[in-house]
Amino acid sequence: MVNEIHRNTKGLDDYRKKKRADCSKRVDDAIRQLIFENKAISFNSVSEAAGVSKKYLYEHFYDRINELRENQGKRKRIKGQIKTDKSKDVVIQAKDKRIKELEDRVRYLELLLNRQCADIYDNL
């Protein structure tokens, strides 16, 4: 005769499901908060904000956090490129203007130097 013991694990299963749902909600809330505050999204920042382990995030939210990290990086780079492209033309124009002013100044000083040299030569 084999004694079959049926263990009642329904309570444990219910607790595990509730805990998993609670952790998922905290992670979702933490990600939303980080996006709202325009902070960097990484496994460290989400882990700290949600109060869960990085291992949990890697196991359950790896794809989502990686996608958000990549999109956040692209958004910042594109924003920076637009700003750089707009300001690049202004900087180039300012430098061209400064170069022209300096070239005119060099020509003027060369002319003065030539006149001074001519005057000195004539006085000899």
C-alpha atoms as a PDB file:
ATOM      1  CA  MET A   1       0.000   0.000   0.000  1.00  0.00           C
ATOM      2  CA  VAL A   2       1.320   3.323  -1.047  1.00  0.00           C
ATOM      3  CA  ASN A   3       0.309   6.268   1.025  1.00  0.00           C
ATOM      4  CA  GLU A   4      -0.489   9.151  -1.248  1.00  0.00           C
ATOM      5  CA  ILE A   5      -0.288  12.494   0.439  1.00  0.00           C
ATOM      6  CA  HIS A   6      -2.109  15.334  -1.208  1.00  0.00           C
ATOM      7  CA  ARG A   7      -0.645  18.599  -0.098  1.00  0.00           C
ATOM      8  CA  ASN A   8      -2.776  21.700  -0.159  1.00  0.00           C
ATOM      9  CA  THR A   9      -0.596  24.221  -2.043  1.00  0.00           C
ATOM     10  CA  LYS A  10      -3.421  26.425  -3.259  1.00  0.00           C
ATOM     11  CA  GLY A  11      -2.617  29.053  -0.646  1.00  0.00           C
ATOM     12  CA  LEU A  12       1.046  29.139  -1.691  1.00  0.00           C
ATOM     13  CA  ASP A  13       0.113  29.401  -5.359  1.00  0.00           C
ATOM     14  CA  ASP A  14      -2.287  32.251  -4.634  1.00  0.00           C
ATOM     15  CA  TYR A  15       0.376  34.091  -2.611  1.00  0.00           C
ATOM     16  CA  ARG A  16       2.971  33.601  -5.378  1.00  0.00           C
ATOM     17  CA  LYS A  17       0.574  34.972  -8.020  1.00  0.00           C
ATOM     18  CA  LYS A  18      -0.323  37.946  -5.822  1.00  0.00           C
ATOM     19  CA  LYS A  19       3.343  38.694  -5.137  1.00  0.00           C
ATOM     20  CA  ARG A  20       4.231  38.454  -8.839  1.00  0.00           C
ATOM     21  CA  ALA A  21       1.364  40.799  -9.760  1.00  0.00           C
ATOM     22  CA  ASP A  22       2.460  43.253  -7.043  1.00  0.00           C
ATOM     23  CA  CYS A  23       6.077  43.220  -8.285  1.00  0.00           C
ATOM     24  CA  SER A  24       4.971  43.698 -11.890  1.00  0.00           C
ATOM     25  CA  LYS A  25       2.814  46.655 -10.875  1.00  0.00           C
ATOM     26  CA  ARG A  26       5.694  48.234  -8.940  1.00  0.00           C
ATOM     27  CA  VAL A  27       8.027  47.798 -11.918  1.00  0.00           C
ATOM     28  CA  ASP A  28       5.463  49.328 -14.296  1.00  0.00           C
ATOM     29  CA  ASP A  29       4.919  52.255 -11.945  1.00  0.00           C
ATOM     30  CA  ALA A  30       8.668  52.770 -11.551  1.00  0.00           C
ATOM     31  CA  ILE A  31       9.215  52.786 -15.326  1.00  0.00           C
ATOM     32  CA  ARG A  32       6.382  55.278 -15.826  1.00  0.00           C
ATOM     33  CA  GLN A  33       7.814  57.500 -13.090  1.00  0.00           C
ATOM     34  CA  LEU A  34      11.321  57.409 -14.595  1.00  0.00           C
ATOM     35  CA  ILE A  35       9.943  58.311 -18.019  1.00  0.00           C
ATOM     36  CA  PHE A  36       7.830  61.109 -16.521  1.00  0.00           C
ATOM     37  CA  GLU A  37      10.841  62.525 -14.667  1.00  0.00           C
ATOM     38  CA  ASN A  38      12.962  62.142 -17.829  1.00  0.00           C
ATOM     39  CA  LYS A  39      15.537  60.079 -15.939  1.00  0.00           C
ATOM     40  CA  ALA A  40      17.773  57.389 -17.396  1.00  0.00           C
ATOM     41  CA  ILE A  41      16.138  54.006 -17.671  1.00  0.00           C
ATOM     42  CA  SER A  42      18.434  51.145 -16.733  1.00  0.00           C
ATOM     43  CA  PHE A  43      18.200  47.952 -14.776  1.00  0.00           C
ATOM     44  CA  ASN A  44      19.793  49.687 -11.792  1.00  0.00           C
ATOM     45  CA  SER A  45      17.441  52.671 -11.796  1.00  0.00           C
ATOM     46  CA  VAL A  46      14.303  50.559 -12.289  1.00  0.00           C
ATOM     47  CA  SER A  47      15.471  48.104  -9.614  1.00  0.00           C
ATOM     48  CA  GLU A  48      15.990  50.882  -7.079  1.00  0.00           C
ATOM     49  CA  ALA A  49      12.757  52.680  -7.928  1.00  0.00           C
ATOM     50  CA  ALA A  50      10.607  49.531  -7.839  1.00  0.00           C
ATOM     51  CA  GLY A  51      12.312  47.859  -4.903  1.00  0.00           C
ATOM     52  CA  VAL A  52      12.903  44.605  -6.764  1.00  0.00           C
ATOM     53  CA  SER A  53      16.081  42.725  -7.576  1.00  0.00           C
ATOM     54  CA  LYS A  54      17.921  43.108 -10.852  1.00  0.00           C
ATOM     55  CA  LYS A  55      17.646  39.341 -11.277  1.00  0.00           C
ATOM     56  CA  TYR A  56      13.840  39.672 -11.285  1.00  0.00           C
ATOM     57  CA  LEU A  57      14.046  42.414 -13.901  1.00  0.00           C
ATOM     58  CA  TYR A  58      16.371  40.406 -16.114  1.00  0.00           C
ATOM     59  CA  GLU A  59      14.073  37.377 -15.895  1.00  0.00           C
ATOM     60  CA  HIS A  60      10.743  39.133 -16.461  1.00  0.00           C
ATOM     61  CA  PHE A  61      11.365  42.572 -18.012  1.00  0.00           C
ATOM     62  CA  TYR A  62      14.613  42.181 -19.984  1.00  0.00           C
ATOM     63  CA  ASP A  63      13.169  42.949 -23.440  1.00  0.00           C
ATOM     64  CA  ARG A  64      11.035  45.848 -22.275  1.00  0.00           C
ATOM     65  CA  ILE A  65      13.801  47.630 -20.347  1.00  0.00           C
ATOM     66  CA  ASN A  66      16.336  47.077 -23.130  1.00  0.00           C
ATOM     67  CA  GLU A  67      13.918  48.526 -25.682  1.00  0.00           C
ATOM     68  CA  LEU A  68      13.272  51.561 -23.485  1.00  0.00           C
ATOM     69  CA  ARG A  69      17.020  52.052 -22.950  1.00  0.00           C
ATOM     70  CA  GLU A  70      17.702  51.928 -26.693  1.00  0.00           C
ATOM     71  CA  ASN A  71      14.836  54.271 -27.542  1.00  0.00           C
ATOM     72  CA  GLN A  72      15.874  56.695 -24.829  1.00  0.00           C
ATOM     73  CA  GLY A  73      19.447  56.738 -26.177  1.00  0.00           C
ATOM     74  CA  LYS A  74      18.287  57.299 -29.759  1.00  0.00           C
ATOM     75  CA  ARG A  75      15.955  60.074 -28.707  1.00  0.00           C
ATOM     76  CA  LYS A  76      18.765  61.896 -26.919  1.00  0.00           C
ATOM     77  CA  ARG A  77      21.198  61.471 -29.801  1.00  0.00           C
ATOM     78  CA  ILE A  78      18.690  62.669 -32.380  1.00  0.00           C
ATOM     79  CA  LYS A  79      17.853  65.667 -30.222  1.00  0.00           C
ATOM     80  CA  GLY A  80      21.542  66.500 -29.911  1.00  0.00           C
ATOM     81  CA  GLN A  81      22.120  66.127 -33.644  1.00  0.00           C
ATOM     82  CA  ILE A  82      19.296  68.504 -34.469  1.00  0.00           C
ATOM     83  CA  LYS A  83      20.670  71.050 -32.053  1.00  0.00           C
ATOM     84  CA  THR A  84      24.182  70.574 -33.433  1.00  0.00           C
ATOM     85  CA  ASP A  85      23.040  70.827 -37.048  1.00  0.00           C
ATOM     86  CA  LYS A  86      21.191  74.067 -36.382  1.00  0.00           C
ATOM     87  CA  SER A  87      23.985  75.633 -34.408  1.00  0.00           C
ATOM     88  CA  LYS A  88      26.701  74.311 -36.716  1.00  0.00           C
ATOM     89  CA  ASP A  89      25.706  76.723 -39.491  1.00  0.00           C
ATOM     90  CA  VAL A  90      25.709  79.654 -37.074  1.00  0.00           C
ATOM     91  CA  VAL A  91      29.148  78.704 -35.753  1.00  0.00           C
ATOM     92  CA  ILE A  92      30.537  78.323 -39.271  1.00  0.00           C
ATOM     93  CA  GLN A  93      29.160  81.705 -40.298  1.00  0.00           C
ATOM     94  CA  ALA A  94      30.651  83.338 -37.214  1.00  0.00           C
ATOM     95  CA  LYS A  95      34.034  81.731 -37.879  1.00  0.00           C
ATOM     96  CA  ASP A  96      33.953  82.723 -41.554  1.00  0.00           C
ATOM     97  CA  LYS A  97      33.189  86.299 -40.544  1.00  0.00           C
ATOM     98  CA  ARG A  98      36.021  86.275 -38.003  1.00  0.00           C
ATOM     99  CA  ILE A  99      38.458  84.812 -40.567  1.00  0.00           C
ATOM    100  CA  LYS A 100      37.521  87.521 -43.081  1.00  0.00           C
ATOM    101  CA  GLU A 101      38.042  90.231 -40.446  1.00  0.00           C
ATOM    102  CA  LEU A 102      41.448  88.803 -39.527  1.00  0.00           C
ATOM    103  CA  GLU A 103      42.501  88.506 -43.188  1.00  0.00           C
ATOM    104  CA  ASP A 104      41.515  92.166 -43.755  1.00  0.00           C
ATOM    105  CA  ARG A 105      43.501  93.124 -40.669  1.00  0.00           C
ATOM    106  CA  VAL A 106      46.561  91.189 -41.922  1.00  0.00           C
ATOM    107  CA  ARG A 107      46.360  92.941 -45.310  1.00  0.00           C
ATOM    108  CA  TYR A 108      46.108  96.329 -43.602  1.00  0.00           C
ATOM    109  CA  LEU A 109      49.093  95.586 -41.332  1.00  0.00           C
ATOM    110  CA  GLU A 110      51.148  94.312 -44.306  1.00  0.00           C
ATOM    111  CA  LEU A 111      50.368  97.535 -46.164  1.00  0.00           C
ATOM    112  CA  LEU A 112      51.440  99.609 -43.142  1.00  0.00           C
ATOM    113  CA  LEU A 113      54.614  97.568 -42.794  1.00  0.00           C
ATOM    114  CA  ASN A 114      55.469  98.016 -46.466  1.00  0.00           C
ATOM    115  CA  ARG A 115      54.928 101.775 -46.181  1.00  0.00           C
ATOM    116  CA  GLN A 116      57.091 101.957 -43.066  1.00  0.00           C
ATOM    117  CA  CYS A 117      59.820  99.948 -44.757  1.00  0.00           C
ATOM    118  CA  ALA A 118      59.621 102.224 -47.814  1.00  0.00           C
ATOM    119  CA  ASP A 119      59.856 105.333 -45.632  1.00  0.00           C
ATOM    120  CA  ILE A 120      62.877 103.914 -43.791  1.00  0.00           C
ATOM    121  CA  TYR A 121      64.539 102.968 -47.106  1.00  0.00           C
ATOM    122  CA  ASP A 122      63.874 106.441 -48.546  1.00  0.00           C
ATOM    123  CA  ASN A 123      65.429 108.112 -45.484  1.00  0.00           C
ATOM    124  CA  LEU A 124      68.694 106.204 -45.920  1.00  0.00           C
END
